[in-house]
């Protein structure tokens, strides 16, 4: 079972960070967001509740055009070179 079964992460264009209502997500401001290496993407995290197939708790920035991840999915994404710079091997 996931460590965060009701938490979701929504990857959005960095240009949308100013449109996030930070009262609806677990970050406090655009300055506290993590950005992809090329700074084109960022994400917000939030808690959802599912009742009879209906999801509640998504922030107003949510859009089906953006990808929503569960905990395992976001960890996999963040491990890619798009989000984590490779370590220098000296």
Protein backbone atom coordinates (compact mmCIF):
# COMPACT_ATOMS: atom_id res chain seq x y z
CA UNK A 1 0.00 0.00 0.00
CA UNK A 2 1.18 3.50 -0.80
CA UNK A 3 2.61 5.68 1.92
CA UNK A 4 0.31 8.49 0.72
CA UNK A 5 -2.84 6.79 -0.63
CA UNK A 6 -4.87 10.01 -0.92
CA UNK A 7 -2.14 12.35 -2.07
CA UNK A 8 -1.84 13.39 -5.69
CA UNK A 9 0.75 15.39 -7.63
CA UNK A 10 -0.22 17.47 -10.64
CA UNK A 11 2.49 18.40 -13.14
CA UNK A 12 1.79 21.78 -14.70
CA UNK A 13 3.64 24.19 -16.98
CA UNK A 14 5.87 26.49 -14.93
CA UNK A 15 4.06 29.43 -16.51
CA UNK A 16 0.92 28.34 -14.60
CA UNK A 17 2.56 28.57 -11.16
CA UNK A 18 1.22 32.11 -10.71
CA UNK A 19 -2.32 30.77 -11.18
CA UNK A 20 -2.12 28.23 -8.33
CA UNK A 21 -4.33 28.95 -5.32
CA UNK A 22 -1.85 28.01 -2.60
CA UNK A 23 -4.69 27.62 -0.09
CA UNK A 24 -5.70 24.50 -2.05
CA UNK A 25 -2.34 22.71 -2.23
CA UNK A 26 0.37 21.59 0.18
CA UNK A 27 2.97 24.12 -0.99
CA UNK A 28 3.03 27.66 0.34
CA UNK A 29 4.06 29.70 -2.73
CA UNK A 30 5.53 29.51 -6.23
CA UNK A 31 8.94 29.90 -4.57
CA UNK A 32 8.47 26.60 -2.72
CA UNK A 33 7.72 24.58 -5.86
CA UNK A 34 10.19 22.17 -7.40
CA UNK A 35 10.88 22.77 -11.08
CA UNK A 36 12.14 20.48 -13.82
CA UNK A 37 15.79 20.86 -14.86
CA UNK A 38 14.82 23.01 -17.85
CA UNK A 39 12.39 24.95 -15.59
CA UNK A 40 9.50 24.39 -18.00
CA UNK A 41 7.45 22.26 -15.58
CA UNK A 42 6.57 22.19 -11.92
CA UNK A 43 4.05 20.33 -9.77
CA UNK A 44 1.71 20.80 -6.86
CA UNK A 45 0.58 18.19 -4.36
CA UNK A 46 -2.76 17.87 -2.63
CA UNK A 47 -5.00 15.43 -0.82
CA UNK A 48 -8.06 13.90 -2.47
CA UNK A 49 -11.06 11.99 -1.23
CA UNK A 50 -12.85 9.46 -3.43
CA UNK A 51 -16.53 8.76 -2.80
CA UNK A 52 -18.34 6.31 -5.06
CA UNK A 53 -16.00 7.00 -7.97
CA UNK A 54 -16.09 10.78 -7.60
CA UNK A 55 -12.86 12.57 -6.68
CA UNK A 56 -12.98 15.56 -4.34
CA UNK A 57 -10.18 17.87 -3.26
CA UNK A 58 -8.47 18.66 -6.53
CA UNK A 59 -7.28 22.28 -6.70
CA UNK A 60 -8.76 24.77 -9.14
CA UNK A 61 -5.56 24.55 -11.26
CA UNK A 62 -6.48 20.93 -12.03
CA UNK A 63 -7.05 20.28 -15.71
CA UNK A 64 -7.32 16.91 -17.44
CA UNK A 65 -4.70 18.13 -19.92
CA UNK A 66 -2.14 17.98 -17.08
CA UNK A 67 -0.84 14.67 -15.74
CA UNK A 68 -1.86 13.68 -12.21
CA UNK A 69 0.35 11.17 -10.38
CA UNK A 70 0.09 9.02 -7.32
CA UNK A 71 3.09 8.63 -4.97
CA UNK A 72 4.79 5.82 -6.90
CA UNK A 73 4.26 7.64 -10.19
CA UNK A 74 5.73 10.96 -9.05
CA UNK A 75 8.78 9.21 -7.56
CA UNK A 76 9.38 7.52 -10.90
CA UNK A 77 9.00 10.81 -12.77
CA UNK A 78 11.31 12.71 -10.43
CA UNK A 79 14.03 10.09 -10.88
CA UNK A 80 14.29 10.95 -14.60
CA UNK A 81 16.95 13.25 -16.04
CA UNK A 82 14.24 15.80 -16.81
CA UNK A 83 13.81 16.36 -13.05
CA UNK A 84 17.08 15.25 -11.43
CA UNK A 85 20.48 16.23 -12.75
CA UNK A 86 22.88 13.32 -13.10
CA UNK A 87 25.66 13.18 -10.52
CA UNK A 88 29.07 14.16 -11.76
CA UNK A 89 31.32 11.14 -11.78
CA UNK A 90 34.85 12.27 -11.00
